[in-house]
Amino acid sequence: MTMHNLHGRPVIVGGGIAGLMAALHLAPEPVVLVSKTALGDEASSVLAQGGIAASLGSDDSPDLHLADTLAAGDGLCDEVAARRVVEAAPQAIEHLARLGVAFDRTPDGTLLLGLEAAHSRRRIVHAGGDATGRVLIRALAAAVRRTPSIAILEGVEVRRLIVEDGEIAGVLAVGNGEAMTLSTGRVVLATGGIGGLFDHTTNPRGSFGQGLALAARAGADVADLEFVQFHPTALDGPRRPMPLVSEAGRGEG
């Protein structure tokens, strides 16, 4: 077994949007990003056809966005968390654009805003039409690869969080048939959801709750496990995971 002392550098587990954004957010602080595949390859976000909601229109505001969110949540939302998200969304779109995400725009260069689902205003930002997730992942992976403070370990799977005296002390991982330990007290779990556990799913098979299992085994409290991300429209056939049907097929709004 190979042992590496990271001297306090964070380890980020997961090569999807959450892991990529965490690594970029921490730059120029040195971090180690661990992904069991090539960056983004098994991320659910690659399949995401819908856009990102942000109150960017002249007739919109974070308060209106919050009201729509709370109404759609029908009593299940954490209002404090929802407010933080909707208030941060416009700045997040600007940040993603600076990182190289090419959002769809009108001929005069302004962001093209769509209307979807329970939103009362046009506030959905797309990239590549219905390929928003793929465009985001590609741009963020490229940004991570050109950031010198991010060390990337691809083809490496974290098997266990190391706990000593009730505190995180590192991770045990396996790559190319070799076990390794990365010693650090700072670990970010960004491993995606649990959709791959289901037979009828549009999520990648690799999304089967590894992060939740790692955290629970290390003693973390887990909550709200009944909430499972899914795509509302899938093509019924023999393929697994099931192919997505674009939300555009249900009509704008």
Protein backbone atom coordinates (compact mmCIF):
# COMPACT_ATOMS: atom_id res chain seq x y z
CA MET A 1 0.00 0.00 0.00
CA THR A 2 1.23 3.47 -0.92
CA MET A 3 0.83 6.23 1.66
CA HIS A 4 0.75 9.94 0.87
CA ASN A 5 0.70 12.71 3.46
CA LEU A 6 -1.10 15.65 1.88
CA HIS A 7 -0.17 18.04 4.72
CA GLY A 8 -3.71 19.34 5.08
CA ARG A 9 -4.56 19.67 1.40
CA PRO A 10 -8.25 18.88 0.75
CA VAL A 11 -9.27 15.71 -1.06
CA ILE A 12 -12.34 16.12 -3.26
CA VAL A 13 -14.06 12.84 -4.12
CA GLY A 14 -16.03 12.95 -7.37
CA GLY A 15 -15.42 14.18 -10.93
CA GLY A 16 -18.89 15.57 -11.71
CA ILE A 17 -20.08 19.17 -11.54
CA ALA A 18 -19.99 19.32 -7.72
CA GLY A 19 -16.42 18.04 -7.49
CA LEU A 20 -15.15 20.14 -10.37
CA MET A 21 -16.73 23.31 -8.99
CA ALA A 22 -15.40 22.62 -5.49
CA ALA A 23 -11.86 22.27 -6.83
CA LEU A 24 -12.15 25.45 -8.90
CA HIS A 25 -13.67 27.34 -5.97
CA LEU A 26 -10.73 26.43 -3.73
CA ALA A 27 -8.10 27.45 -6.32
CA PRO A 28 -5.36 28.56 -6.00
CA GLU A 29 -5.29 26.47 -2.82
CA PRO A 30 -3.75 23.10 -3.73
CA VAL A 31 -6.29 20.26 -3.76
CA VAL A 32 -6.42 16.62 -4.88
CA LEU A 33 -9.43 15.67 -7.02
CA VAL A 34 -10.19 11.93 -7.07
CA SER A 35 -12.44 10.47 -9.78
CA LYS A 36 -13.13 6.80 -10.42
CA THR A 37 -13.46 7.55 -14.17
CA ALA A 38 -12.16 10.25 -16.47
CA LEU A 39 -13.51 13.60 -15.30
CA GLY A 40 -17.24 13.79 -15.93
CA ASP A 41 -17.55 10.42 -17.67
CA GLU A 42 -20.11 8.87 -15.31
CA ALA A 43 -21.66 12.10 -14.08
CA SER A 44 -25.44 12.36 -14.20
CA SER A 45 -25.06 15.99 -15.25
CA VAL A 46 -23.69 14.93 -18.64
CA LEU A 47 -27.23 13.77 -19.45
CA ALA A 48 -28.98 16.90 -18.17
CA GLN A 49 -31.04 18.52 -20.92
CA GLY A 50 -32.79 21.17 -18.86
CA GLY A 51 -31.14 24.47 -18.06
CA ILE A 52 -30.26 26.40 -14.92
CA ALA A 53 -32.79 28.68 -13.24
CA ALA A 54 -31.67 32.20 -12.32
CA SER A 55 -33.63 35.44 -11.94
CA LEU A 56 -31.87 37.40 -14.69
CA GLY A 57 -34.82 38.97 -16.54
CA SER A 58 -35.87 42.61 -16.14
CA ASP A 59 -39.26 41.42 -14.83
CA ASP A 60 -37.75 38.95 -12.36
CA SER A 61 -36.17 38.92 -8.90
CA PRO A 62 -34.83 36.43 -6.34
CA ASP A 63 -38.00 36.98 -4.29
CA LEU A 64 -40.19 35.90 -7.22
CA HIS A 65 -37.90 32.93 -7.86
CA LEU A 66 -38.13 31.94 -4.20
CA ALA A 67 -41.92 32.21 -4.21
CA ASP A 68 -42.16 29.91 -7.24
CA THR A 69 -39.75 27.46 -5.62
CA LEU A 70 -41.63 27.31 -2.34
CA ALA A 71 -44.95 26.87 -4.16
CA ALA A 72 -43.56 24.01 -6.25
CA GLY A 73 -42.03 22.42 -3.13
CA ASP A 74 -45.47 22.34 -1.49
CA GLY A 75 -44.17 22.54 2.06
CA LEU A 76 -41.08 20.35 1.63
CA CYS A 77 -38.53 23.14 1.00
CA ASP A 78 -36.01 24.44 3.50
CA GLU A 79 -36.79 28.12 2.98
CA VAL A 80 -33.45 29.37 4.29
CA ALA A 81 -31.53 27.06 1.95
CA ALA A 82 -33.83 27.84 -0.98
CA ARG A 83 -33.32 31.57 -0.49
CA ARG A 84 -29.55 31.17 -0.45
CA VAL A 85 -29.68 29.21 -3.70
CA VAL A 86 -31.93 31.59 -5.64
CA GLU A 87 -30.03 34.65 -4.45
CA ALA A 88 -26.71 33.12 -5.51
CA ALA A 89 -27.95 31.84 -8.88
CA PRO A 90 -27.36 34.98 -11.03
CA GLN A 91 -23.76 35.28 -9.81
CA ALA A 92 -23.27 31.54 -10.40
CA ILE A 93 -24.28 31.94 -14.05
CA GLU A 94 -21.79 34.79 -14.46
CA HIS A 95 -19.06 32.69 -12.82
CA LEU A 96 -19.77 29.71 -15.09
CA ALA A 97 -19.58 31.96 -18.14
CA ARG A 98 -16.17 33.25 -16.99
CA LEU A 99 -15.02 29.62 -16.64
CA GLY A 100 -15.83 29.04 -20.31
CA VAL A 101 -19.41 27.75 -20.35
CA ALA A 102 -20.96 28.95 -23.63
CA PHE A 103 -24.58 29.67 -22.72
CA ASP A 104 -27.15 30.16 -25.46
CA ARG A 105 -27.65 33.82 -26.33
CA THR A 106 -29.89 36.03 -28.44
CA PRO A 107 -28.49 37.73 -31.58
CA ASP A 108 -27.66 40.84 -29.51
CA GLY A 109 -25.57 38.77 -27.08
CA THR A 110 -27.88 38.67 -24.07
CA LEU A 111 -28.64 35.37 -22.39
CA LEU A 112 -31.54 33.47 -23.94
CA LEU A 113 -34.04 32.82 -21.13
CA GLY A 114 -36.56 29.98 -21.36
CA LEU A 115 -39.74 29.18 -19.47
CA GLU A 116 -40.09 25.77 -17.84
CA ALA A 117 -42.05 23.87 -15.21
CA ALA A 118 -43.41 25.89 -12.29
CA HIS A 119 -41.51 29.10 -13.07
CA SER A 120 -43.65 32.20 -13.59
CA ARG A 121 -40.92 34.09 -15.42
CA ARG A 122 -38.43 33.31 -18.17
CA ARG A 123 -35.37 32.38 -16.12
CA ILE A 124 -33.99 29.13 -17.58
CA VAL A 125 -30.50 29.43 -19.06
CA HIS A 126 -29.47 26.72 -21.53
CA ALA A 127 -26.24 25.76 -23.29
CA GLY A 128 -26.12 23.86 -26.57
CA GLY A 129 -29.92 23.79 -26.72
CA ASP A 130 -30.84 20.69 -24.71
CA ALA A 131 -27.20 19.73 -24.00
CA THR A 132 -26.67 22.02 -21.00
CA GLY A 133 -25.17 19.36 -18.75
CA ARG A 134 -22.71 18.11 -21.36
CA VAL A 135 -21.55 21.64 -22.17
CA LEU A 136 -21.08 22.45 -18.47
CA ILE A 137 -19.11 19.30 -17.73
CA ARG A 138 -16.79 19.76 -20.70
CA ALA A 139 -16.08 23.39 -19.85
CA LEU A 140 -15.51 22.74 -16.15
CA ALA A 141 -13.31 19.70 -16.80
CA ALA A 142 -11.20 21.79 -19.17
CA ALA A 143 -10.95 24.56 -16.56
CA VAL A 144 -9.86 22.05 -13.92
CA ARG A 145 -7.21 20.54 -16.19
CA ARG A 146 -5.65 23.94 -16.86
CA THR A 147 -5.60 24.91 -13.16
CA PRO A 148 -2.13 24.11 -11.78
CA SER A 149 -3.24 23.94 -8.14
CA ILE A 150 -5.52 20.94 -8.82
CA ALA A 151 -3.89 17.49 -8.79
CA ILE A 152 -6.14 15.01 -10.62
CA LEU A 153 -6.31 11.29 -9.84
CA GLU A 154 -8.48 9.55 -12.47
CA GLY A 155 -9.36 5.86 -12.39
CA VAL A 156 -9.10 5.92 -8.59
CA GLU A 157 -12.00 4.89 -6.36
CA VAL A 158 -12.28 5.87 -2.70
CA ARG A 159 -13.26 2.83 -0.62
CA ARG A 160 -13.26 4.20 2.90
CA LEU A 161 -12.89 7.37 4.94
CA ILE A 162 -10.18 6.97 7.57
CA VAL A 163 -11.38 8.06 11.02
CA GLU A 164 -9.06 8.55 13.99
CA ASP A 165 -10.28 9.70 17.41
CA GLY A 166 -13.62 10.67 15.92
CA GLU A 167 -12.14 12.87 13.20
CA ILE A 168 -11.45 12.38 9.50
CA ALA A 169 -7.80 11.52 8.91
CA GLY A 170 -7.80 10.67 5.21
CA VAL A 171 -9.15 8.30 2.58
CA LEU A 172 -8.36 4.75 1.50
CA ALA A 173 -8.50 4.45 -2.28
CA VAL A 174 -7.76 1.91 -5.02
CA GLY A 175 -6.46 2.61 -8.51
CA ASN A 176 -4.89 0.32 -11.12
CA GLY A 177 -5.14 -2.55 -8.63
CA GLU A 178 -3.05 -0.68 -6.07
CA ALA A 179 -4.28 0.52 -2.68
CA MET A 180 -3.27 3.94 -1.42
CA THR A 181 -4.00 6.17 1.54
CA LEU A 182 -4.22 9.93 1.27
CA SER A 183 -3.73 11.44 4.71
CA THR A 184 -5.65 14.67 5.32
CA GLY A 185 -8.26 16.01 7.70
CA ARG A 186 -10.20 17.73 4.92
CA VAL A 187 -12.40 15.62 2.61
CA VAL A 188 -15.21 16.80 0.35
CA LEU A 189 -17.67 14.12 -0.80
CA ALA A 190 -19.12 15.08 -4.20
CA THR A 191 -20.06 11.64 -5.46
CA GLY A 192 -23.53 12.14 -6.93
CA GLY A 193 -26.84 10.47 -6.17
CA ILE A 194 -28.35 7.01 -5.86
CA GLY A 195 -30.38 6.76 -9.09
CA GLY A 196 -28.22 3.95 -10.41
CA LEU A 197 -29.62 1.62 -7.75
CA PHE A 198 -32.94 1.43 -9.59
CA ASP A 199 -33.64 -0.79 -12.60
CA HIS A 200 -35.92 1.78 -14.26
CA THR A 201 -33.59 4.78 -14.22
CA THR A 202 -32.06 7.34 -16.53
CA ASN A 203 -29.10 7.85 -14.19
CA PRO A 204 -25.69 6.29 -14.81
CA ARG A 205 -25.20 2.89 -13.20
CA GLY A 206 -22.17 4.33 -11.40
CA SER A 207 -24.38 6.60 -9.30
CA PHE A 208 -25.28 4.19 -6.53
CA GLY A 209 -24.74 6.18 -3.36
CA GLN A 210 -21.04 5.63 -2.70
CA GLY A 211 -20.67 8.99 -1.00
CA LEU A 212 -23.60 8.36 1.30
CA ALA A 213 -22.19 4.95 2.21
CA LEU A 214 -18.73 6.39 2.87
CA ALA A 215 -20.18 9.11 5.10
CA ALA A 216 -22.52 6.79 6.99
CA ARG A 217 -19.76 4.28 7.62
CA ALA A 218 -17.61 7.10 9.00
CA GLY A 219 -20.38 8.03 11.45
CA ALA A 220 -22.10 10.90 9.68
CA ASP A 221 -25.83 11.47 10.11
CA VAL A 222 -27.74 11.19 6.84
CA ALA A 223 -31.14 12.71 6.13
CA ASP A 224 -33.81 13.11 3.44
CA LEU A 225 -32.85 9.89 1.66
CA GLU A 226 -36.38 9.60 0.32
CA PHE A 227 -35.63 12.40 -2.16
CA VAL A 228 -34.24 10.77 -5.32
CA GLN A 229 -33.33 12.79 -8.42
CA PHE A 230 -34.95 11.47 -11.57
CA HIS A 231 -35.78 12.65 -15.07
CA PRO A 232 -39.52 12.90 -15.70
CA THR A 233 -39.50 11.53 -19.25
CA ALA A 234 -37.73 8.35 -20.37
CA LEU A 235 -37.98 6.05 -23.39
CA ASP A 236 -39.43 2.68 -22.39
CA GLY A 237 -37.27 -0.03 -23.93
CA PRO A 238 -34.68 -2.69 -23.11
CA ARG A 239 -31.74 -0.31 -22.60
CA ARG A 240 -30.52 0.38 -19.09
CA PRO A 241 -30.07 3.07 -18.07
CA MET A 242 -33.15 4.21 -20.00
CA PRO A 243 -32.59 6.90 -22.66
CA LEU A 244 -33.83 10.38 -21.84
CA VAL A 245 -36.55 12.09 -23.83
CA SER A 246 -35.89 15.82 -24.11
CA GLU A 247 -38.09 17.98 -21.93
CA ALA A 248 -38.57 20.08 -25.05
CA GLY A 249 -40.85 17.27 -26.23
CA ARG A 250 -43.35 18.31 -23.55
CA GLY A 251 -43.43 21.88 -24.81
CA GLU A 252 -42.00 25.07 -23.36
CA GLY A 253 -43.67 25.83 -20.04
